[in-house]
Amino acid sequence: MTFSDTLTALTTAVKHSWQYCNGDAEYQRYLEHCRLQHADGSAPVLSRKAYFAAQTQRKWHGIKRCC
């Protein structure tokens, strides 16, 4: 493995880690889901901002306790 290959692998790993940490990977999975499951346009695709607002709303509002 050359230095260039190692650097490319490291750069890819850092990029994927960053996408995972900032939620970009989650949004990409959402887009893929929409493309596969709602190809007929039956459900609107949320913008990145609207998607994260909806996720935050779902996560932090409502009852969040066990009893």
C-alpha atoms as a PDB file:
ATOM      1  CA  MET A   1       0.000   0.000   0.000  1.00  0.00           C
ATOM      2  CA  THR A   2       1.489   3.299  -1.057  1.00  0.00           C
ATOM      3  CA  PHE A   3       1.446   6.542   0.873  1.00  0.00           C
ATOM      4  CA  SER A   4      -1.190   7.898  -1.513  1.00  0.00           C
ATOM      5  CA  ASP A   5      -3.457   4.889  -0.895  1.00  0.00           C
ATOM      6  CA  THR A   6      -3.039   5.264   2.853  1.00  0.00           C
ATOM      7  CA  LEU A   7      -3.815   8.966   2.698  1.00  0.00           C
ATOM      8  CA  THR A   8      -6.900   8.319   0.561  1.00  0.00           C
ATOM      9  CA  ALA A   9      -8.150   5.672   3.009  1.00  0.00           C
ATOM     10  CA  LEU A  10      -7.554   7.986   5.970  1.00  0.00           C
ATOM     11  CA  THR A  11      -9.326  10.878   4.255  1.00  0.00           C
ATOM     12  CA  THR A  12     -12.313   8.656   3.454  1.00  0.00           C
ATOM     13  CA  ALA A  13     -12.492   7.405   7.049  1.00  0.00           C
ATOM     14  CA  VAL A  14     -12.391  10.950   8.438  1.00  0.00           C
ATOM     15  CA  LYS A  15     -15.081  12.068   5.965  1.00  0.00           C
ATOM     16  CA  HIS A  16     -17.403   9.195   6.901  1.00  0.00           C
ATOM     17  CA  SER A  17     -16.819   9.799  10.612  1.00  0.00           C
ATOM     18  CA  TRP A  18     -17.665  13.476  10.198  1.00  0.00           C
ATOM     19  CA  GLN A  19     -20.830  12.671   8.236  1.00  0.00           C
ATOM     20  CA  TYR A  20     -21.909  10.254  10.954  1.00  0.00           C
ATOM     21  CA  CYS A  21     -21.270  12.777  13.737  1.00  0.00           C
ATOM     22  CA  ASN A  22     -23.090  15.697  12.125  1.00  0.00           C
ATOM     23  CA  GLY A  23     -26.090  13.671  10.932  1.00  0.00           C
ATOM     24  CA  ASP A  24     -25.382  13.935   7.219  1.00  0.00           C
ATOM     25  CA  ALA A  25     -25.262  10.141   6.866  1.00  0.00           C
ATOM     26  CA  GLU A  26     -28.730   9.928   8.429  1.00  0.00           C
ATOM     27  CA  TYR A  27     -30.105  12.455   5.930  1.00  0.00           C
ATOM     28  CA  GLN A  28     -28.508  10.532   3.052  1.00  0.00           C
ATOM     29  CA  ARG A  29     -30.238   7.340   4.284  1.00  0.00           C
ATOM     30  CA  TYR A  30     -33.523   9.269   4.380  1.00  0.00           C
ATOM     31  CA  LEU A  31     -33.038  10.443   0.790  1.00  0.00           C
ATOM     32  CA  GLU A  32     -32.247   6.894  -0.328  1.00  0.00           C
ATOM     33  CA  HIS A  33     -35.382   5.634   1.440  1.00  0.00           C
ATOM     34  CA  CYS A  34     -37.485   8.281  -0.307  1.00  0.00           C
ATOM     35  CA  ARG A  35     -35.960   7.402  -3.661  1.00  0.00           C
ATOM     36  CA  LEU A  36     -36.663   3.678  -3.229  1.00  0.00           C
ATOM     37  CA  GLN A  37     -39.968   3.659  -1.367  1.00  0.00           C
ATOM     38  CA  HIS A  38     -41.664   6.782  -2.696  1.00  0.00           C
ATOM     39  CA  ALA A  39     -40.435   6.953  -6.284  1.00  0.00           C
ATOM     40  CA  ASP A  40     -43.958   7.763  -7.449  1.00  0.00           C
ATOM     41  CA  GLY A  41     -43.856  11.073  -5.545  1.00  0.00           C
ATOM     42  CA  SER A  42     -46.459   9.949  -3.011  1.00  0.00           C
ATOM     43  CA  ALA A  43     -44.530  11.570  -0.169  1.00  0.00           C
ATOM     44  CA  PRO A  44     -42.770  14.934  -0.353  1.00  0.00           C
ATOM     45  CA  VAL A  45     -39.012  14.891   0.210  1.00  0.00           C
ATOM     46  CA  LEU A  46     -38.006  17.177   3.049  1.00  0.00           C
ATOM     47  CA  SER A  47     -35.159  19.619   2.677  1.00  0.00           C
ATOM     48  CA  ARG A  48     -32.136  19.042   4.923  1.00  0.00           C
ATOM     49  CA  LYS A  49     -33.276  21.846   7.238  1.00  0.00           C
ATOM     50  CA  ALA A  50     -36.873  20.582   7.429  1.00  0.00           C
ATOM     51  CA  TYR A  51     -35.683  16.999   7.985  1.00  0.00           C
ATOM     52  CA  PHE A  52     -33.492  17.925  10.939  1.00  0.00           C
ATOM     53  CA  ALA A  53     -36.210  20.177  12.386  1.00  0.00           C
ATOM     54  CA  ALA A  54     -38.672  17.259  12.226  1.00  0.00           C
ATOM     55  CA  GLN A  55     -36.133  14.889  13.800  1.00  0.00           C
ATOM     56  CA  THR A  56     -35.427  17.345  16.616  1.00  0.00           C
ATOM     57  CA  GLN A  57     -39.159  17.832  17.199  1.00  0.00           C
ATOM     58  CA  ARG A  58     -39.716  14.059  17.303  1.00  0.00           C
ATOM     59  CA  LYS A  59     -36.791  13.510  19.642  1.00  0.00           C
ATOM     60  CA  TRP A  60     -37.438  16.233  22.208  1.00  0.00           C
ATOM     61  CA  HIS A  61     -41.212  16.697  22.391  1.00  0.00           C
ATOM     62  CA  GLY A  62     -43.744  14.492  24.124  1.00  0.00           C
ATOM     63  CA  ILE A  63     -43.464  12.153  27.059  1.00  0.00           C
ATOM     64  CA  LYS A  64     -40.001  10.637  27.364  1.00  0.00           C
ATOM     65  CA  ARG A  65     -40.115   8.589  30.524  1.00  0.00           C
ATOM     66  CA  CYS A  66     -40.689   4.988  31.397  1.00  0.00           C
ATOM     67  CA  CYS A  67     -43.519   5.457  33.904  1.00  0.00           C
END
